[in-house]
Protein backbone atom coordinates (compact mmCIF):
# COMPACT_ATOMS: atom_id res chain seq x y z
CA MET A 1 26.49 -44.04 4.99
CA GLU A 2 24.76 -41.84 2.53
CA GLU A 3 26.08 -38.37 2.42
CA GLN A 4 23.58 -35.83 3.60
CA ASP A 5 23.05 -32.99 1.52
CA LEU A 6 23.14 -29.77 4.04
CA HIS A 7 22.04 -27.09 1.31
CA ASN A 8 18.99 -25.25 2.04
CA ASP A 9 16.42 -25.86 -0.47
CA ASN A 10 15.72 -21.79 -0.65
CA GLU A 11 18.58 -20.57 -2.84
CA VAL A 12 19.24 -16.65 -2.72
CA TRP A 13 20.23 -15.15 -5.68
CA SER A 14 21.01 -11.10 -6.00
CA ASP A 15 21.86 -8.79 -9.10
CA GLU A 16 23.23 -5.42 -7.71
CA SER A 17 23.53 -2.05 -9.44
CA VAL A 18 24.93 1.25 -9.01
CA ASP A 19 22.89 4.35 -9.83
CA THR A 20 23.99 7.96 -10.62
CA GLY A 21 22.65 8.81 -7.35
CA ASP A 22 25.09 6.72 -5.47
CA PHE A 23 22.64 4.19 -4.44
CA VAL A 24 23.49 0.38 -4.82
CA HIS A 25 20.16 -1.39 -5.59
CA ILE A 26 20.10 -5.15 -4.61
CA ASN A 27 17.40 -7.45 -6.29
CA LEU A 28 17.04 -10.29 -4.08
CA ARG A 29 15.13 -13.64 -5.51
CA LEU A 30 14.29 -16.41 -3.47
CA ASN A 31 14.08 -19.39 -5.00
CA GLN A 32 11.74 -22.14 -3.24
CA SER A 33 12.00 -25.39 -3.56
CA PRO A 34 8.25 -27.35 -4.54
CA ASN A 35 8.71 -28.69 -0.85
CA ASN A 36 8.76 -25.14 0.87
CA ARG A 37 5.65 -23.56 -1.50
CA ARG A 38 1.89 -24.09 -1.87
CA ALA A 39 0.58 -25.12 -5.67
CA ASP A 40 -0.38 -21.47 -6.35
CA GLU A 41 2.59 -19.97 -5.48
CA THR A 42 5.17 -18.87 -8.04
CA PRO A 43 8.89 -20.76 -7.71
CA HIS A 44 10.59 -17.69 -6.47
CA SER A 45 9.89 -14.18 -5.30
CA THR A 46 11.74 -10.97 -5.82
CA GLU A 47 12.58 -7.75 -3.60
CA ARG A 48 14.42 -4.80 -4.43
CA HIS A 49 16.35 -2.75 -1.26
CA THR A 50 17.99 0.74 -1.86
CA PHE A 51 21.10 1.37 0.07
CA PRO A 52 23.60 4.50 -0.20
CA VAL A 53 26.72 3.61 -1.02
CA ALA A 54 28.44 6.11 1.88
CA LEU A 55 26.98 6.43 5.09
CA PRO A 56 24.29 8.89 4.64
CA ASP A 57 24.30 11.80 7.44
CA TRP A 58 21.16 10.96 9.41
CA SER A 59 23.02 7.33 10.31
CA ASN A 60 26.23 8.91 11.09
CA LEU A 61 26.84 9.24 14.65
CA ASP A 62 29.55 11.97 13.92
CA VAL A 63 27.57 14.35 12.23
CA LEU A 64 24.99 14.89 15.21
CA HIS A 65 24.02 19.13 14.43
CA ARG A 66 24.46 19.84 10.74
CA ASN A 67 22.54 22.84 9.64
CA THR A 68 21.08 22.94 13.06
CA LEU A 69 20.64 25.56 15.65
CA PRO A 70 22.19 25.89 18.84
CA PRO A 71 19.52 24.49 21.87
CA ARG A 72 17.29 26.95 23.56
CA ALA A 73 13.84 27.57 25.24
CA SER A 74 10.93 27.89 23.34
CA PHE A 75 10.11 31.52 22.45
CA PHE A 76 7.47 33.34 20.58
CA ILE A 77 7.86 36.88 18.47
CA TYR A 78 5.55 39.19 19.12
CA ASP A 79 4.71 42.86 17.46
CA ASN A 80 5.29 44.78 20.66
CA VAL A 81 6.53 44.37 24.40
CA ASN A 82 2.61 44.71 25.47
CA ASP A 83 1.26 41.95 23.08
CA ALA A 84 4.77 39.70 24.86
CA LEU A 85 3.86 40.51 28.19
CA THR A 86 0.48 39.02 27.52
CA ARG A 87 1.96 35.41 26.92
CA ASP A 88 -0.96 35.07 24.51
CA ILE A 89 0.29 32.58 22.05
CA SER A 90 -2.39 34.18 19.51
CA ARG A 91 -0.92 37.41 19.63
CA SER A 92 2.31 36.07 18.18
CA LYS A 93 4.13 35.81 15.25
CA THR A 94 3.48 31.74 15.15
CA LEU A 95 2.72 29.71 12.31
CA SER A 96 0.66 26.26 13.30
CA LEU A 97 2.11 23.49 11.34
CA SER A 98 -1.28 22.19 12.26
CA GLY A 99 -3.56 21.04 9.22
CA THR A 100 -3.90 18.74 6.30
CA TRP A 101 -0.57 17.76 4.75
CA GLN A 102 0.02 15.94 1.27
CA PHE A 103 1.65 12.76 2.03
CA HIS A 104 3.84 10.22 0.54
CA LEU A 105 5.08 6.79 2.29
CA VAL A 106 8.29 5.02 0.79
CA LYS A 107 10.26 2.22 1.63
CA SER A 108 13.82 3.92 1.76
CA PRO A 109 14.48 7.48 2.30
CA PHE A 110 16.69 6.58 -0.86
CA GLU A 111 13.39 6.10 -3.06
CA VAL A 112 11.75 9.97 -1.71
CA PRO A 113 11.47 11.70 -5.64
CA SER A 114 14.40 13.84 -5.98
CA GLU A 115 12.65 17.14 -6.93
CA PHE A 116 9.75 17.05 -4.35
CA THR A 117 11.33 19.67 -2.25
CA LYS A 118 11.20 22.47 -5.63
CA PRO A 119 8.76 24.97 -5.29
CA GLY A 120 6.06 23.90 -8.24
CA PHE A 121 6.24 20.14 -7.26
CA ASP A 122 3.18 18.17 -8.43
CA ALA A 123 2.13 15.93 -5.43
CA LYS A 124 -1.61 16.06 -6.45
CA GLU A 125 -1.20 12.47 -6.61
CA TRP A 126 0.04 11.80 -2.88
CA GLY A 127 -2.17 11.21 -0.17
CA LYS A 128 -3.34 13.27 2.71
CA ILE A 129 -3.18 13.05 6.40
CA LYS A 130 -4.18 15.15 9.59
CA VAL A 131 -1.26 16.91 11.21
CA PRO A 132 -1.24 16.48 14.61
CA GLY A 133 -1.68 12.55 13.70
CA ILE A 134 -0.02 8.88 13.74
CA TRP A 135 0.06 8.30 9.82
CA GLN A 136 -0.01 4.61 10.50
CA MET A 137 -3.44 5.59 11.75
CA GLN A 138 -4.75 7.11 8.76
CA GLY A 139 -3.88 4.37 6.34
CA TYR A 140 -0.18 4.08 5.36
CA GLY A 141 2.15 1.91 6.54
CA LYS A 142 1.96 -0.70 9.48
CA GLY A 143 1.93 -0.34 13.30
CA PRO A 144 1.44 2.43 15.08
CA TRP A 145 4.71 1.11 16.85
CA TYR A 146 5.22 4.06 19.26
CA VAL A 147 2.42 4.58 21.77
CA SER A 148 1.70 4.55 25.36
CA ARG A 149 -1.46 2.51 25.29
CA ARG A 150 -3.41 0.63 22.94
CA SER A 151 -5.76 2.02 20.50
CA GLN A 152 -9.31 0.57 20.31
CA GLU A 153 -9.02 1.62 16.74
CA LYS A 154 -7.20 -0.60 14.24
CA PRO A 155 -5.04 1.07 11.64
CA LYS A 156 -6.21 1.22 8.17
CA GLU A 157 -4.46 -1.04 5.43
CA GLN A 158 -2.23 0.74 3.09
CA LEU A 159 -4.02 1.75 -0.21
């Protein structure tokens, strides 16, 4: 009886490196056998994935409320009692976040430009989205994934 080769025709190779920002970058290279690819395809493909060395706060269930205010009902600040008693939000000191915002989509939160929160950061190369809105419907990423009804409009492909 001939010996069966249980080895998969696709071999996975990886190369790890850690940078100074405490992130692990893994380059995955999938070697495809000639039997598993079209003639016009390259014999391998490479993907880069970035992961933190330590568990980030947003992924750590032990850290739920760092730098947050305690829960409360919504409220608005008014200049005087008479304006507050009208409950007219247009008289309050409210800042609406609706409008056009600069937007930059990355594959991982660890690929965000480190300086983007600093005053004077140059984001003119970034795209723009309308808020409120669904950024997937405005040409970014895939989706939308979380909607209560199907949209008649198909999302634009990422530019």
